[in-house]
PDB file of N, CA and C in Angstrom:
ATOM      1  N   MET A   1      80.281  34.451  33.814  1.00  0.00           N
ATOM      2  CA  MET A   1      80.138  35.458  32.786  1.00  0.00           C
ATOM      3  C   MET A   1      80.377  36.835  33.383  1.00  0.00           C
ATOM      4  N   GLU A   2      81.008  37.690  32.589  1.00  0.00           N
ATOM      5  CA  GLU A   2      81.211  39.053  33.032  1.00  0.00           C
ATOM      6  C   GLU A   2      80.658  40.007  31.987  1.00  0.00           C
ATOM      7  N   THR A   3      80.258  41.206  32.427  1.00  0.00           N
ATOM      8  CA  THR A   3      79.729  42.209  31.515  1.00  0.00           C
ATOM      9  C   THR A   3      80.875  43.004  30.923  1.00  0.00           C
ATOM     10  N   PHE A   4      80.742  43.378  29.687  1.00  0.00           N
ATOM     11  CA  PHE A   4      81.805  44.066  28.959  1.00  0.00           C
ATOM     12  C   PHE A   4      81.748  45.571  29.195  1.00  0.00           C
ATOM     13  N   GLU A   5      82.894  46.194  29.160  1.00  0.00           N
ATOM     14  CA  GLU A   5      83.027  47.639  29.362  1.00  0.00           C
ATOM     15  C   GLU A   5      82.345  48.410  28.233  1.00  0.00           C
ATOM     16  N   THR A   6      81.669  49.514  28.585  1.00  0.00           N
ATOM     17  CA  THR A   6      80.975  50.341  27.593  1.00  0.00           C
ATOM     18  C   THR A   6      81.859  51.488  27.120  1.00  0.00           C
ATOM     19  N   ALA A   7      81.415  52.161  26.070  1.00  0.00           N
ATOM     20  CA  ALA A   7      82.087  53.333  25.487  1.00  0.00           C
ATOM     21  C   ALA A   7      83.544  53.054  25.134  1.00  0.00           C
ATOM     22  N   LYS A   8      83.773  51.858  24.599  1.00  0.00           N
ATOM     23  CA  LYS A   8      85.129  51.454  24.219  1.00  0.00           C
ATOM     24  C   LYS A   8      85.020  50.591  22.955  1.00  0.00           C
ATOM     25  N   THR A   9      85.831  50.863  21.941  1.00  0.00           N
ATOM     26  CA  THR A   9      85.788  50.064  20.715  1.00  0.00           C
ATOM     27  C   THR A   9      86.410  48.692  20.971  1.00  0.00           C
ATOM     28  N   PHE A  10      85.938  47.708  20.215  1.00  0.00           N
ATOM     29  CA  PHE A  10      86.451  46.340  20.352  1.00  0.00           C
ATOM     30  C   PHE A  10      86.124  45.549  19.102  1.00  0.00           C
ATOM     31  N   ALA A  11      86.776  44.410  18.963  1.00  0.00           N
ATOM     32  CA  ALA A  11      86.503  43.469  17.875  1.00  0.00           C
ATOM     33  C   ALA A  11      86.056  42.163  18.521  1.00  0.00           C
ATOM     34  N   PHE A  12      84.910  41.641  18.120  1.00  0.00           N
ATOM     35  CA  PHE A  12      84.370  40.423  18.729  1.00  0.00           C
ATOM     36  C   PHE A  12      85.372  39.279  18.752  1.00  0.00           C
ATOM     37  N   ASN A  13      86.083  39.066  17.643  1.00  0.00           N
ATOM     38  CA  ASN A  13      86.985  37.917  17.576  1.00  0.00           C
ATOM     39  C   ASN A  13      88.205  38.062  18.479  1.00  0.00           C
ATOM     40  N   GLU A  14      88.416  39.246  19.070  1.00  0.00           N
ATOM     41  CA  GLU A  14      89.575  39.470  19.929  1.00  0.00           C
ATOM     42  C   GLU A  14      89.263  39.519  21.425  1.00  0.00           C
ATOM     43  N   ILE A  15      87.997  39.621  21.816  1.00  0.00           N
ATOM     44  CA  ILE A  15      87.697  39.853  23.233  1.00  0.00           C
ATOM     45  C   ILE A  15      87.352  38.593  24.029  1.00  0.00           C
ATOM     46  N   VAL A  16      87.312  37.460  23.350  1.00  0.00           N
ATOM     47  CA  VAL A  16      87.126  36.195  24.071  1.00  0.00           C
ATOM     48  C   VAL A  16      88.077  35.178  23.439  1.00  0.00           C
ATOM     49  N   ASN A  17      88.760  34.420  24.294  1.00  0.00           N
ATOM     50  CA  ASN A  17      89.745  33.447  23.827  1.00  0.00           C
ATOM     51  C   ASN A  17      89.231  32.028  23.988  1.00  0.00           C
ATOM     52  N   TYR A  18      89.775  31.135  23.185  1.00  0.00           N
ATOM     53  CA  TYR A  18      89.436  29.726  23.305  1.00  0.00           C
ATOM     54  C   TYR A  18      90.094  29.145  24.552  1.00  0.00           C
ATOM     55  N   GLU A  19      89.401  28.197  25.166  1.00  0.00           N
ATOM     56  CA  GLU A  19      89.951  27.440  26.283  1.00  0.00           C
ATOM     57  C   GLU A  19      89.886  25.971  25.905  1.00  0.00           C
ATOM     58  N   GLU A  20      91.002  25.274  25.995  1.00  0.00           N
ATOM     59  CA  GLU A  20      91.050  23.873  25.597  1.00  0.00           C
ATOM     60  C   GLU A  20      89.980  23.079  26.334  1.00  0.00           C
ATOM     61  N   ASN A  21      89.205  22.307  25.582  1.00  0.00           N
ATOM     62  CA  ASN A  21      88.140  21.461  26.126  1.00  0.00           C
ATOM     63  C   ASN A  21      87.070  22.236  26.884  1.00  0.00           C
ATOM     64  N   GLY A  22      86.784  23.473  26.458  1.00  0.00           N
ATOM     65  CA  GLY A  22      85.793  24.256  27.181  1.00  0.00           C
ATOM     66  C   GLY A  22      85.035  25.230  26.306  1.00  0.00           C
ATOM     67  N   ILE A  23      84.102  25.912  26.956  1.00  0.00           N
ATOM     68  CA  ILE A  23      83.320  26.969  26.335  1.00  0.00           C
ATOM     69  C   ILE A  23      83.524  28.210  27.197  1.00  0.00           C
ATOM     70  N   VAL A  24      83.919  29.300  26.563  1.00  0.00           N
ATOM     71  CA  VAL A  24      84.118  30.560  27.277  1.00  0.00           C
ATOM     72  C   VAL A  24      83.028  31.521  26.817  1.00  0.00           C
ATOM     73  N   SER A  25      82.423  32.241  27.764  1.00  0.00           N
ATOM     74  CA  SER A  25      81.407  33.221  27.389  1.00  0.00           C
ATOM     75  C   SER A  25      81.693  34.551  28.064  1.00  0.00           C
ATOM     76  N   LYS A  26      81.284  35.612  27.389  1.00  0.00           N
ATOM     77  CA  LYS A  26      81.454  36.964  27.923  1.00  0.00           C
ATOM     78  C   LYS A  26      80.207  37.752  27.564  1.00  0.00           C
ATOM     79  N   GLN A  27      79.517  38.261  28.573  1.00  0.00           N
ATOM     80  CA  GLN A  27      78.327  39.068  28.303  1.00  0.00           C
ATOM     81  C   GLN A  27      78.746  40.444  27.841  1.00  0.00           C
ATOM     82  N   ILE A  28      78.206  40.838  26.709  1.00  0.00           N
ATOM     83  CA  ILE A  28      78.479  42.147  26.155  1.00  0.00           C
ATOM     84  C   ILE A  28      77.464  43.143  26.705  1.00  0.00           C
ATOM     85  N   ILE A  29      76.193  42.743  26.678  1.00  0.00           N
ATOM     86  CA  ILE A  29      75.095  43.564  27.214  1.00  0.00           C
ATOM     87  C   ILE A  29      74.156  42.641  27.986  1.00  0.00           C
ATOM     88  N   LYS A  30      73.745  43.080  29.170  1.00  0.00           N
ATOM     89  CA  LYS A  30      72.767  42.330  29.964  1.00  0.00           C
ATOM     90  C   LYS A  30      71.714  43.309  30.461  1.00  0.00           C
ATOM     91  N   LYS A  31      70.492  43.130  29.971  1.00  0.00           N
ATOM     92  CA  LYS A  31      69.364  43.985  30.343  1.00  0.00           C
ATOM     93  C   LYS A  31      68.160  43.088  30.628  1.00  0.00           C
ATOM     94  N   THR A  32      67.154  43.623  31.289  1.00  0.00           N
ATOM     95  CA  THR A  32      65.946  42.841  31.540  1.00  0.00           C
ATOM     96  C   THR A  32      65.226  42.510  30.239  1.00  0.00           C
ATOM     97  N   THR A  33      65.460  43.309  29.195  1.00  0.00           N
ATOM     98  CA  THR A  33      64.814  43.085  27.904  1.00  0.00           C
ATOM     99  C   THR A  33      65.576  42.117  27.009  1.00  0.00           C
ATOM    100  N   GLY A  34      66.793  41.728  27.415  1.00  0.00           N
ATOM    101  CA  GLY A  34      67.549  40.767  26.634  1.00  0.00           C
ATOM    102  C   GLY A  34      69.038  40.845  26.897  1.00  0.00           C
ATOM    103  N   ASN A  35      69.772  39.911  26.290  1.00  0.00           N
ATOM    104  CA  ASN A  35      71.215  39.802  26.488  1.00  0.00           C
ATOM    105  C   ASN A  35      71.921  39.636  25.147  1.00  0.00           C
ATOM    106  N   VAL A  36      73.187  40.071  25.135  1.00  0.00           N
ATOM    107  CA  VAL A  36      74.087  39.824  24.015  1.00  0.00           C
ATOM    108  C   VAL A  36      75.328  39.176  24.632  1.00  0.00           C
ATOM    109  N   THR A  37      75.635  37.952  24.199  1.00  0.00           N
ATOM    110  CA  THR A  37      76.732  37.189  24.791  1.00  0.00           C
ATOM    111  C   THR A  37      77.622  36.628  23.697  1.00  0.00           C
ATOM    112  N   LEU A  38      78.928  36.739  23.902  1.00  0.00           N
ATOM    113  CA  LEU A  38      79.916  36.206  22.985  1.00  0.00           C
ATOM    114  C   LEU A  38      80.443  34.889  23.531  1.00  0.00           C
ATOM    115  N   PHE A  39      80.530  33.879  22.685  1.00  0.00           N
ATOM    116  CA  PHE A  39      81.004  32.552  23.088  1.00  0.00           C
ATOM    117  C   PHE A  39      82.189  32.126  22.242  1.00  0.00           C
ATOM    118  N   ALA A  40      83.115  31.394  22.859  1.00  0.00           N
ATOM    119  CA  ALA A  40      84.206  30.723  22.150  1.00  0.00           C
ATOM    120  C   ALA A  40      84.137  29.250  22.528  1.00  0.00           C
ATOM    121  N   PHE A  41      83.909  28.389  21.558  1.00  0.00           N
ATOM    122  CA  PHE A  41      83.786  26.949  21.771  1.00  0.00           C
ATOM    123  C   PHE A  41      85.058  26.249  21.308  1.00  0.00           C
ATOM    124  N   ALA A  42      85.623  25.408  22.147  1.00  0.00           N
ATOM    125  CA  ALA A  42      86.714  24.535  21.709  1.00  0.00           C
ATOM    126  C   ALA A  42      86.102  23.428  20.855  1.00  0.00           C
ATOM    127  N   ALA A  43      86.898  22.855  19.968  1.00  0.00           N
ATOM    128  CA  ALA A  43      86.419  21.749  19.136  1.00  0.00           C
ATOM    129  C   ALA A  43      85.912  20.626  20.027  1.00  0.00           C
ATOM    130  N   GLY A  44      84.761  20.067  19.671  1.00  0.00           N
ATOM    131  CA  GLY A  44      84.179  18.961  20.419  1.00  0.00           C
ATOM    132  C   GLY A  44      83.215  19.376  21.516  1.00  0.00           C
ATOM    133  N   GLN A  45      83.094  20.663  21.782  1.00  0.00           N
ATOM    134  CA  GLN A  45      82.182  21.134  22.826  1.00  0.00           C
ATOM    135  C   GLN A  45      80.781  21.335  22.257  1.00  0.00           C
ATOM    136  N   MET A  46      79.783  21.373  23.144  1.00  0.00           N
ATOM    137  CA  MET A  46      78.408  21.561  22.695  1.00  0.00           C
ATOM    138  C   MET A  46      77.538  22.149  23.794  1.00  0.00           C
ATOM    139  N   LEU A  47      76.463  22.774  23.383  1.00  0.00           N
ATOM    140  CA  LEU A  47      75.376  23.137  24.285  1.00  0.00           C
ATOM    141  C   LEU A  47      74.273  22.145  23.962  1.00  0.00           C
ATOM    142  N   SER A  48      73.884  21.369  24.952  1.00  0.00           N
ATOM    143  CA  SER A  48      72.892  20.321  24.713  1.00  0.00           C
ATOM    144  C   SER A  48      71.528  20.921  24.372  1.00  0.00           C
ATOM    145  N   GLU A  49      70.679  20.077  23.814  1.00  0.00           N
ATOM    146  CA  GLU A  49      69.368  20.522  23.351  1.00  0.00           C
ATOM    147  C   GLU A  49      68.555  21.129  24.487  1.00  0.00           C
ATOM    148  N   HIS A  50      67.982  22.280  24.212  1.00  0.00           N
ATOM    149  CA  HIS A  50      67.125  22.991  25.160  1.00  0.00           C
ATOM    150  C   HIS A  50      66.229  23.920  24.344  1.00  0.00           C
ATOM    151  N   SER A  51      65.310  24.590  25.000  1.00  0.00           N
ATOM    152  CA  SER A  51      64.484  25.581  24.314  1.00  0.00           C
ATOM    153  C   SER A  51      64.387  26.815  25.201  1.00  0.00           C
ATOM    154  N   ALA A  52      63.976  27.916  24.592  1.00  0.00           N
ATOM    155  CA  ALA A  52      63.822  29.182  25.306  1.00  0.00           C
ATOM    156  C   ALA A  52      62.487  29.802  24.892  1.00  0.00           C
ATOM    157  N   PRO A  53      61.907  30.614  25.765  1.00  0.00           N
ATOM    158  CA  PRO A  53      60.591  31.185  25.451  1.00  0.00           C
ATOM    159  C   PRO A  53      60.641  32.396  24.527  1.00  0.00           C
ATOM    160  N   PHE A  54      61.817  32.674  23.919  1.00  0.00           N
ATOM    161  CA  PHE A  54      61.943  33.810  23.010  1.00  0.00           C
ATOM    162  C   PHE A  54      62.961  33.483  21.922  1.00  0.00           C
ATOM    163  N   ASP A  55      62.885  34.196  20.810  1.00  0.00           N
ATOM    164  CA  ASP A  55      63.812  33.974  19.702  1.00  0.00           C
ATOM    165  C   ASP A  55      65.236  34.335  20.107  1.00  0.00           C
ATOM    166  N   ALA A  56      66.211  33.674  19.474  1.00  0.00           N
ATOM    167  CA  ALA A  56      67.622  33.977  19.704  1.00  0.00           C
ATOM    168  C   ALA A  56      68.331  34.022  18.351  1.00  0.00           C
ATOM    169  N   LEU A  57      69.145  35.034  18.160  1.00  0.00           N
ATOM    170  CA  LEU A  57      69.914  35.209  16.934  1.00  0.00           C
ATOM    171  C   LEU A  57      71.354  34.782  17.182  1.00  0.00           C
ATOM    172  N   VAL A  58      71.853  33.861  16.360  1.00  0.00           N
ATOM    173  CA  VAL A  58      73.251  33.431  16.418  1.00  0.00           C
ATOM    174  C   VAL A  58      73.977  34.037  15.227  1.00  0.00           C
ATOM    175  N   GLN A  59      75.113  34.692  15.487  1.00  0.00           N
ATOM    176  CA  GLN A  59      75.989  35.217  14.448  1.00  0.00           C
ATOM    177  C   GLN A  59      77.347  34.554  14.646  1.00  0.00           C
ATOM    178  N   VAL A  60      77.799  33.806  13.650  1.00  0.00           N
ATOM    179  CA  VAL A  60      79.093  33.137  13.767  1.00  0.00           C
ATOM    180  C   VAL A  60      80.183  34.141  13.403  1.00  0.00           C
ATOM    181  N   ILE A  61      81.112  34.325  14.327  1.00  0.00           N
ATOM    182  CA  ILE A  61      82.191  35.302  14.185  1.00  0.00           C
ATOM    183  C   ILE A  61      83.428  34.662  13.569  1.00  0.00           C
ATOM    184  N   GLU A  62      83.677  33.407  13.939  1.00  0.00           N
ATOM    185  CA  GLU A  62      84.896  32.723  13.515  1.00  0.00           C
ATOM    186  C   GLU A  62      84.619  31.224  13.448  1.00  0.00           C
ATOM    187  N   GLY A  63      85.114  30.543  12.428  1.00  0.00           N
ATOM    188  CA  GLY A  63      84.949  29.101  12.311  1.00  0.00           C
ATOM    189  C   GLY A  63      83.587  28.695  11.780  1.00  0.00           C
ATOM    190  N   THR A  64      83.204  27.453  12.077  1.00  0.00           N
ATOM    191  CA  THR A  64      81.936  26.877  11.615  1.00  0.00           C
ATOM    192  C   THR A  64      81.256  26.161  12.759  1.00  0.00           C
ATOM    193  N   ALA A  65      79.940  26.280  12.834  1.00  0.00           N
ATOM    194  CA  ALA A  65      79.157  25.631  13.884  1.00  0.00           C
ATOM    195  C   ALA A  65      78.051  24.794  13.267  1.00  0.00           C
ATOM    196  N   GLU A  66      77.615  23.792  14.017  1.00  0.00           N
ATOM    197  CA  GLU A  66      76.403  23.065  13.657  1.00  0.00           C
ATOM    198  C   GLU A  66      75.345  23.469  14.668  1.00  0.00           C
ATOM    199  N   ILE A  67      74.292  24.106  14.165  1.00  0.00           N
ATOM    200  CA  ILE A  67      73.176  24.527  15.002  1.00  0.00           C
ATOM    201  C   ILE A  67      72.013  23.605  14.650  1.00  0.00           C
ATOM    202  N   VAL A  68      71.513  22.878  15.630  1.00  0.00           N
ATOM    203  CA  VAL A  68      70.411  21.957  15.408  1.00  0.00           C
ATOM    204  C   VAL A  68      69.139  22.619  15.928  1.00  0.00           C
ATOM    205  N   ILE A  69      68.153  22.785  15.054  1.00  0.00           N
ATOM    206  CA  ILE A  69      66.891  23.427  15.420  1.00  0.00           C
ATOM    207  C   ILE A  69      65.758  22.471  15.073  1.00  0.00           C
ATOM    208  N   GLY A  70      64.997  22.081  16.082  1.00  0.00           N
ATOM    209  CA  GLY A  70      63.887  21.164  15.850  1.00  0.00           C
ATOM    210  C   GLY A  70      64.333  19.863  15.219  1.00  0.00           C
ATOM    211  N   GLY A  71      65.547  19.405  15.548  1.00  0.00           N
ATOM    212  CA  GLY A  71      66.080  18.153  15.028  1.00  0.00           C
ATOM    213  C   GLY A  71      66.782  18.261  13.685  1.00  0.00           C
ATOM    214  N   THR A  72      66.760  19.441  13.061  1.00  0.00           N
ATOM    215  CA  THR A  72      67.408  19.633  11.765  1.00  0.00           C
ATOM    216  C   THR A  72      68.742  20.352  11.944  1.00  0.00           C
ATOM    217  N   PRO A  73      69.857  19.738  11.509  1.00  0.00           N
ATOM    218  CA  PRO A  73      71.165  20.396  11.640  1.00  0.00           C
ATOM    219  C   PRO A  73      71.375  21.448  10.547  1.00  0.00           C
ATOM    220  N   HIS A  74      72.018  22.554  10.942  1.00  0.00           N
ATOM    221  CA  HIS A  74      72.342  23.640  10.023  1.00  0.00           C
ATOM    222  C   HIS A  74      73.816  23.976  10.199  1.00  0.00           C
ATOM    223  N   ALA A  75      74.590  23.948   9.127  1.00  0.00           N
ATOM    224  CA  ALA A  75      75.994  24.369   9.172  1.00  0.00           C
ATOM    225  C   ALA A  75      76.015  25.881   8.973  1.00  0.00           C
ATOM    226  N   VAL A  76      76.617  26.583   9.928  1.00  0.00           N
ATOM    227  CA  VAL A  76      76.680  28.039   9.866  1.00  0.00           C
ATOM    228  C   VAL A  76      78.141  28.434  10.024  1.00  0.00           C
ATOM    229  N   LYS A  77      78.648  29.237   9.073  1.00  0.00           N
ATOM    230  CA  LYS A  77      80.070  29.604   9.096  1.00  0.00           C
ATOM    231  C   LYS A  77      80.242  31.089   9.390  1.00  0.00           C
ATOM    232  N   ALA A  78      81.492  31.482   9.611  1.00  0.00           N
ATOM    233  CA  ALA A  78      81.822  32.877   9.902  1.00  0.00           C
ATOM    234  C   ALA A  78      81.162  33.806   8.897  1.00  0.00           C
ATOM    235  N   GLY A  79      80.512  34.836   9.418  1.00  0.00           N
ATOM    236  CA  GLY A  79      79.807  35.790   8.569  1.00  0.00           C
ATOM    237  C   GLY A  79      78.352  35.451   8.352  1.00  0.00           C
ATOM    238  N   GLU A  80      77.929  34.253   8.776  1.00  0.00           N
ATOM    239  CA  GLU A  80      76.526  33.842   8.619  1.00  0.00           C
ATOM    240  C   GLU A  80      75.809  33.856   9.961  1.00  0.00           C
ATOM    241  N   SER A  81      74.482  33.885   9.880  1.00  0.00           N
ATOM    242  CA  SER A  81      73.637  33.936  11.067  1.00  0.00           C
ATOM    243  C   SER A  81      72.453  33.007  10.903  1.00  0.00           C
ATOM    244  N   ILE A  82      71.822  32.692  12.036  1.00  0.00           N
ATOM    245  CA  ILE A  82      70.602  31.888  12.024  1.00  0.00           C
ATOM    246  C   ILE A  82      69.771  32.282  13.241  1.00  0.00           C
ATOM    247  N   ILE A  83      68.453  32.258  13.087  1.00  0.00           N
ATOM    248  CA  ILE A  83      67.548  32.551  14.196  1.00  0.00           C
ATOM    249  C   ILE A  83      67.018  31.237  14.751  1.00  0.00           C
ATOM    250  N   MET A  84      67.163  31.071  16.052  1.00  0.00           N
ATOM    251  CA  MET A  84      66.590  29.909  16.739  1.00  0.00           C
ATOM    252  C   MET A  84      65.245  30.373  17.293  1.00  0.00           C
ATOM    253  N   PRO A  85      64.134  29.844  16.754  1.00  0.00           N
ATOM    254  CA  PRO A  85      62.819  30.333  17.157  1.00  0.00           C
ATOM    255  C   PRO A  85      62.431  29.918  18.575  1.00  0.00           C
ATOM    256  N   ALA A  86      61.610  30.742  19.184  1.00  0.00           N
ATOM    257  CA  ALA A  86      61.116  30.491  20.536  1.00  0.00           C
ATOM    258  C   ALA A  86      60.419  29.136  20.625  1.00  0.00           C
ATOM    259  N   ASN A  87      60.615  28.487  21.749  1.00  0.00           N
ATOM    260  CA  ASN A  87      59.931  27.237  22.117  1.00  0.00           C
ATOM    261  C   ASN A  87      60.233  26.041  21.218  1.00  0.00           C
ATOM    262  N   ILE A  88      61.251  26.129  20.371  1.00  0.00           N
ATOM    263  CA  ILE A  88      61.676  25.006  19.528  1.00  0.00           C
ATOM    264  C   ILE A  88      63.015  24.512  20.079  1.00  0.00           C
ATOM    265  N   PRO A  89      63.146  23.223  20.372  1.00  0.00           N
ATOM    266  CA  PRO A  89      64.425  22.713  20.896  1.00  0.00           C
ATOM    267  C   PRO A  89      65.578  22.992  19.921  1.00  0.00           C
ATOM    268  N   HIS A  90      66.703  23.398  20.492  1.00  0.00           N
ATOM    269  CA  HIS A  90      67.883  23.682  19.681  1.00  0.00           C
ATOM    270  C   HIS A  90      69.137  23.291  20.466  1.00  0.00           C
ATOM    271  N   ALA A  91      70.233  23.081  19.721  1.00  0.00           N
ATOM    272  CA  ALA A  91      71.519  22.707  20.312  1.00  0.00           C
ATOM    273  C   ALA A  91      72.624  23.306  19.457  1.00  0.00           C
ATOM    274  N   VAL A  92      73.814  23.420  20.048  1.00  0.00           N
ATOM    275  CA  VAL A  92      74.976  23.951  19.342  1.00  0.00           C
ATOM    276  C   VAL A  92      76.100  22.932  19.464  1.00  0.00           C
ATOM    277  N   ASN A  93      76.675  22.544  18.324  1.00  0.00           N
ATOM    278  CA  ASN A  93      77.776  21.575  18.295  1.00  0.00           C
ATOM    279  C   ASN A  93      78.992  22.206  17.634  1.00  0.00           C
ATOM    280  N   ALA A  94      80.136  22.085  18.305  1.00  0.00           N
ATOM    281  CA  ALA A  94      81.387  22.619  17.767  1.00  0.00           C
ATOM    282  C   ALA A  94      82.236  21.463  17.256  1.00  0.00           C
ATOM    283  N   HIS A  95      82.117  21.148  15.976  1.00  0.00           N
ATOM    284  CA  HIS A  95      82.955  20.108  15.388  1.00  0.00           C
ATOM    285  C   HIS A  95      84.380  20.629  15.207  1.00  0.00           C
ATOM    286  N   GLU A  96      84.511  21.950  15.156  1.00  0.00           N
ATOM    287  CA  GLU A  96      85.807  22.625  15.143  1.00  0.00           C
ATOM    288  C   GLU A  96      85.643  23.832  16.059  1.00  0.00           C
ATOM    289  N   LYS A  97      86.731  24.494  16.424  1.00  0.00           N
ATOM    290  CA  LYS A  97      86.585  25.651  17.300  1.00  0.00           C
ATOM    291  C   LYS A  97      85.893  26.777  16.532  1.00  0.00           C
ATOM    292  N   PHE A  98      85.051  27.507  17.253  1.00  0.00           N
ATOM    293  CA  PHE A  98      84.355  28.631  16.638  1.00  0.00           C
ATOM    294  C   PHE A  98      83.907  29.623  17.706  1.00  0.00           C
ATOM    295  N   LYS A  99      83.613  30.834  17.234  1.00  0.00           N
ATOM    296  CA  LYS A  99      83.090  31.890  18.102  1.00  0.00           C
ATOM    297  C   LYS A  99      81.760  32.356  17.557  1.00  0.00           C
ATOM    298  N   MET A 100      80.834  32.633  18.469  1.00  0.00           N
ATOM    299  CA  MET A 100      79.510  33.110  18.045  1.00  0.00           C
ATOM    300  C   MET A 100      79.031  34.190  18.986  1.00  0.00           C
ATOM    301  N   LEU A 101      78.198  35.059  18.436  1.00  0.00           N
ATOM    302  CA  LEU A 101      77.520  36.084  19.210  1.00  0.00           C
ATOM    303  C   LEU A 101      76.059  35.668  19.301  1.00  0.00           C
ATOM    304  N   LEU A 102      75.522  35.618  20.522  1.00  0.00           N
ATOM    305  CA  LEU A 102      74.139  35.208  20.753  1.00  0.00           C
ATOM    306  C   LEU A 102      73.364  36.410  21.267  1.00  0.00           C
ATOM    307  N   THR A 103      72.309  36.781  20.538  1.00  0.00           N
ATOM    308  CA  THR A 103      71.451  37.893  20.943  1.00  0.00           C
ATOM    309  C   THR A 103      70.068  37.349  21.245  1.00  0.00           C
ATOM    310  N   MET A 104      69.633  37.539  22.490  1.00  0.00           N
ATOM    311  CA  MET A 104      68.302  37.092  22.924  1.00  0.00           C
ATOM    312  C   MET A 104      67.517  38.310  23.374  1.00  0.00           C
ATOM    313  N   ILE A 105      66.353  38.492  22.793  1.00  0.00           N
ATOM    314  CA  ILE A 105      65.503  39.617  23.157  1.00  0.00           C
ATOM    315  C   ILE A 105      64.189  39.069  23.690  1.00  0.00           C
ATOM    316  N   ARG A 106      63.878  39.464  24.901  1.00  0.00           N
ATOM    317  CA  ARG A 106      62.637  38.995  25.533  1.00  0.00           C
ATOM    318  C   ARG A 106      61.475  39.856  25.041  1.00  0.00           C
ATOM    319  N   SER A 107      60.307  39.219  24.888  1.00  0.00           N
ATOM    320  CA  SER A 107      59.143  39.987  24.436  1.00  0.00           C
ATOM    321  C   SER A 107      58.208  40.235  25.587  1.00  0.00           C
TER     322      SER A 107
END
């Protein structure tokens, strides 16, 4: 992961590219209080189930994702968001290619 340049305009859907059979991530902001990371998932990729000690906000930038929270799948499409609550297992499945912005704020 690399940190993104500041004081420069950009479009989320243009600053990270898809990689065949992979997941690409780019850190936009990295602070001790939290991170903002942009992801591009190739179709068929996933982040396996895990949990975090703080809430995380997912904003889908492009395509559609399946976000599983506490065993319940949620279809989230471009322009939509979902909050993954702290300490609840969650996973991300890319049935098609998609891009998402993940914002995690530590308390």
